[in-house]
């Protein structure tokens, strides 16, 4: 029931806001499993950029999967 209601994107923004505005962080990073397009789309919509990829880093559901690293600097968040 939560699909296509932008709850994921709002959650990413809320967590990011808390990190920068309350905790005073300089940078926030996250990792998304390759194939989780919804999570990656939410991160990108919140302003994160793809910083790198670890090839075949984990084994999940019978296959080796890449990990996609995303990050966002406070200066980009406030811009």
N, C-alpha and C. Protein backbone atom coordinates (compact mmCIF):
# COMPACT_ATOMS: atom_id res chain seq x y z
N UNK A 1 0.82 -1.21 0.00
CA UNK A 1 0.00 0.00 0.00
C UNK A 1 0.86 1.27 0.00
N UNK A 2 2.15 1.12 0.27
CA UNK A 2 3.03 2.29 0.32
C UNK A 2 3.66 2.60 -1.03
N UNK A 3 3.56 1.68 -1.98
CA UNK A 3 4.18 1.90 -3.29
C UNK A 3 3.59 3.12 -3.98
N UNK A 4 4.46 3.89 -4.61
CA UNK A 4 4.11 5.06 -5.41
C UNK A 4 3.45 6.18 -4.60
N UNK A 5 3.69 6.18 -3.29
CA UNK A 5 3.16 7.26 -2.46
C UNK A 5 4.28 8.17 -1.98
N UNK A 6 5.51 7.93 -2.49
CA UNK A 6 6.69 8.74 -2.18
C UNK A 6 7.10 8.69 -0.71
N UNK A 7 6.66 7.65 0.00
CA UNK A 7 7.02 7.50 1.41
C UNK A 7 8.52 7.26 1.54
N UNK A 8 9.09 6.48 0.64
CA UNK A 8 10.53 6.21 0.68
C UNK A 8 11.34 7.48 0.48
N UNK A 9 10.97 8.28 -0.50
CA UNK A 9 11.69 9.53 -0.77
C UNK A 9 11.57 10.49 0.41
N UNK A 10 10.39 10.58 0.99
CA UNK A 10 10.20 11.45 2.17
C UNK A 10 11.02 10.95 3.35
N UNK A 11 11.13 9.65 3.49
CA UNK A 11 11.93 9.08 4.58
C UNK A 11 13.41 9.41 4.40
N UNK A 12 13.92 9.25 3.19
CA UNK A 12 15.32 9.60 2.92
C UNK A 12 15.57 11.07 3.25
N UNK A 13 14.65 11.93 2.85
CA UNK A 13 14.82 13.37 3.12
C UNK A 13 14.75 13.67 4.61
N UNK A 14 13.85 13.02 5.33
CA UNK A 14 13.72 13.26 6.77
C UNK A 14 14.98 12.81 7.51
N UNK A 15 15.49 11.64 7.17
CA UNK A 15 16.71 11.14 7.81
C UNK A 15 17.89 12.04 7.49
N UNK A 16 17.97 12.48 6.24
CA UNK A 16 19.05 13.36 5.82
C UNK A 16 18.98 14.69 6.54
N UNK A 17 17.80 15.26 6.63
CA UNK A 17 17.60 16.51 7.34
C UNK A 17 18.03 16.39 8.80
N UNK A 18 17.64 15.31 9.44
CA UNK A 18 18.03 15.08 10.83
C UNK A 18 19.55 15.00 10.96
N UNK A 19 20.18 14.28 10.07
CA UNK A 19 21.63 14.13 10.12
C UNK A 19 22.36 15.46 9.99
N UNK A 20 21.93 16.27 9.06
CA UNK A 20 22.62 17.54 8.83
C UNK A 20 22.20 18.62 9.83
N UNK A 21 20.92 18.77 10.06
CA UNK A 21 20.42 19.89 10.85
C UNK A 21 20.44 19.65 12.36
N UNK A 22 20.26 18.41 12.79
CA UNK A 22 20.25 18.11 14.22
C UNK A 22 21.61 17.58 14.69
N UNK A 23 22.15 16.62 13.97
CA UNK A 23 23.41 16.01 14.38
C UNK A 23 24.64 16.79 13.92
N UNK A 24 24.46 17.69 12.95
CA UNK A 24 25.57 18.50 12.47
C UNK A 24 26.58 17.74 11.64
N UNK A 25 26.14 16.70 10.95
CA UNK A 25 27.05 15.92 10.12
C UNK A 25 27.53 16.70 8.91
N UNK A 26 28.71 16.37 8.43
CA UNK A 26 29.28 16.98 7.23
C UNK A 26 28.87 16.21 5.97
N UNK A 27 28.74 14.87 6.12
CA UNK A 27 28.42 14.02 4.99
C UNK A 27 27.61 12.82 5.49
N UNK A 28 26.70 12.37 4.66
CA UNK A 28 25.91 11.18 4.96
C UNK A 28 26.11 10.19 3.81
N UNK A 29 26.38 8.94 4.16
CA UNK A 29 26.59 7.88 3.18
C UNK A 29 25.60 6.75 3.43
N UNK A 30 25.32 6.01 2.37
CA UNK A 30 24.45 4.84 2.48
C UNK A 30 24.88 3.83 1.43
N UNK A 31 24.41 2.61 1.60
CA UNK A 31 24.70 1.54 0.66
C UNK A 31 23.39 0.91 0.20
N UNK A 32 23.26 0.70 -1.10
CA UNK A 32 22.07 0.10 -1.69
C UNK A 32 22.50 -1.16 -2.43
N UNK A 33 21.74 -2.23 -2.26
CA UNK A 33 22.05 -3.47 -2.98
C UNK A 33 21.60 -3.31 -4.43
N UNK A 34 22.50 -3.65 -5.37
CA UNK A 34 22.16 -3.58 -6.78
C UNK A 34 20.90 -4.40 -7.05
N UNK A 35 19.99 -3.83 -7.77
CA UNK A 35 18.71 -4.48 -8.04
C UNK A 35 17.58 -3.88 -7.24
N UNK A 36 17.90 -3.15 -6.16
CA UNK A 36 16.88 -2.48 -5.37
C UNK A 36 16.68 -1.09 -5.97
N UNK A 37 16.04 -1.07 -7.12
CA UNK A 37 15.88 0.18 -7.88
C UNK A 37 15.05 1.22 -7.12
N UNK A 38 14.08 0.77 -6.34
CA UNK A 38 13.24 1.72 -5.60
C UNK A 38 14.07 2.48 -4.58
N UNK A 39 14.93 1.78 -3.85
CA UNK A 39 15.76 2.43 -2.85
C UNK A 39 16.76 3.38 -3.50
N UNK A 40 17.37 2.95 -4.59
CA UNK A 40 18.32 3.81 -5.29
C UNK A 40 17.63 5.05 -5.83
N UNK A 41 16.45 4.88 -6.38
CA UNK A 41 15.69 6.01 -6.91
C UNK A 41 15.36 7.01 -5.80
N UNK A 42 15.00 6.52 -4.63
CA UNK A 42 14.70 7.39 -3.49
C UNK A 42 15.93 8.17 -3.05
N UNK A 43 17.08 7.50 -3.01
CA UNK A 43 18.32 8.17 -2.61
C UNK A 43 18.67 9.27 -3.61
N UNK A 44 18.57 8.97 -4.88
CA UNK A 44 18.89 9.97 -5.90
C UNK A 44 17.91 11.13 -5.86
N UNK A 45 16.64 10.85 -5.61
CA UNK A 45 15.63 11.91 -5.51
C UNK A 45 15.89 12.82 -4.31
N UNK A 46 16.53 12.27 -3.26
CA UNK A 46 16.84 13.06 -2.07
C UNK A 46 18.14 13.85 -2.23
N UNK A 47 18.80 13.72 -3.39
CA UNK A 47 20.00 14.49 -3.66
C UNK A 47 21.30 13.73 -3.57
N UNK A 48 21.25 12.47 -3.16
CA UNK A 48 22.47 11.67 -3.07
C UNK A 48 23.02 11.39 -4.47
N UNK A 49 24.33 11.17 -4.53
CA UNK A 49 24.96 10.79 -5.79
C UNK A 49 25.64 9.44 -5.60
N UNK A 50 25.77 8.69 -6.69
CA UNK A 50 26.48 7.42 -6.65
C UNK A 50 27.96 7.72 -6.58
N UNK A 51 28.61 7.19 -5.55
CA UNK A 51 30.04 7.43 -5.35
C UNK A 51 30.90 6.24 -5.74
N UNK A 52 30.28 5.09 -5.83
CA UNK A 52 31.07 3.92 -6.19
C UNK A 52 30.26 2.64 -6.10
N UNK A 53 30.92 1.58 -6.46
CA UNK A 53 30.26 0.27 -6.50
C UNK A 53 31.29 -0.78 -6.11
N UNK A 54 30.88 -1.71 -5.26
CA UNK A 54 31.70 -2.87 -4.93
C UNK A 54 31.10 -4.05 -5.67
N UNK A 55 31.88 -4.59 -6.58
CA UNK A 55 31.40 -5.66 -7.44
C UNK A 55 31.26 -6.97 -6.68
N UNK A 56 30.13 -7.62 -6.86
CA UNK A 56 29.83 -8.94 -6.29
C UNK A 56 30.26 -9.03 -4.83
N UNK A 57 29.88 -8.04 -4.06
CA UNK A 57 30.32 -7.93 -2.68
C UNK A 57 29.54 -8.83 -1.72
N UNK A 58 28.28 -9.09 -2.01
CA UNK A 58 27.48 -9.93 -1.12
C UNK A 58 26.80 -11.04 -1.91
N UNK A 59 26.37 -12.05 -1.19
CA UNK A 59 25.64 -13.16 -1.79
C UNK A 59 24.23 -13.12 -1.23
N UNK A 60 23.25 -12.92 -2.10
CA UNK A 60 21.86 -12.80 -1.66
C UNK A 60 20.94 -13.46 -2.68
N UNK A 61 20.01 -14.24 -2.18
CA UNK A 61 19.03 -14.92 -3.03
C UNK A 61 19.67 -15.72 -4.16
N UNK A 62 20.75 -16.40 -3.83
CA UNK A 62 21.38 -17.29 -4.79
C UNK A 62 22.28 -16.63 -5.80
N UNK A 63 22.62 -15.36 -5.61
CA UNK A 63 23.48 -14.67 -6.57
C UNK A 63 24.40 -13.67 -5.85
N UNK A 64 25.55 -13.45 -6.45
CA UNK A 64 26.44 -12.40 -5.95
C UNK A 64 25.92 -11.06 -6.43
N UNK A 65 25.84 -10.09 -5.52
CA UNK A 65 25.28 -8.78 -5.86
C UNK A 65 26.28 -7.68 -5.57
N UNK A 66 26.23 -6.63 -6.37
CA UNK A 66 27.04 -5.44 -6.14
C UNK A 66 26.42 -4.60 -5.04
N UNK A 67 27.26 -3.82 -4.38
CA UNK A 67 26.79 -2.81 -3.45
C UNK A 67 27.06 -1.45 -4.08
N UNK A 68 26.06 -0.60 -4.08
CA UNK A 68 26.17 0.74 -4.65
C UNK A 68 26.26 1.73 -3.49
N UNK A 69 27.33 2.50 -3.48
CA UNK A 69 27.54 3.48 -2.41
C UNK A 69 27.08 4.85 -2.87
N UNK A 70 26.24 5.48 -2.06
CA UNK A 70 25.75 6.82 -2.35
C UNK A 70 26.13 7.74 -1.20
N UNK A 71 26.26 9.01 -1.50
CA UNK A 71 26.62 9.98 -0.47
C UNK A 71 26.11 11.35 -0.81
N UNK A 72 26.06 12.18 0.24
CA UNK A 72 25.59 13.56 0.08
C UNK A 72 26.33 14.45 1.07
N UNK A 73 26.93 15.53 0.57
CA UNK A 73 27.60 16.51 1.40
C UNK A 73 26.60 17.55 1.87
N UNK A 74 26.82 18.07 3.07
CA UNK A 74 25.91 19.07 3.63
C UNK A 74 25.80 20.29 2.71
N UNK A 75 26.90 20.70 2.11
CA UNK A 75 26.88 21.89 1.23
C UNK A 75 25.94 21.69 0.04
N UNK A 76 25.83 20.46 -0.44
CA UNK A 76 24.91 20.17 -1.55
C UNK A 76 23.46 20.14 -1.05
N UNK A 77 23.26 19.67 0.18
CA UNK A 77 21.91 19.59 0.76
C UNK A 77 21.33 21.00 0.96
N UNK A 78 22.16 21.92 1.43
CA UNK A 78 21.67 23.26 1.73
C UNK A 78 21.57 24.15 0.50
N UNK A 79 22.18 23.70 -0.61
CA UNK A 79 22.17 24.53 -1.83
C UNK A 79 20.82 24.55 -2.51
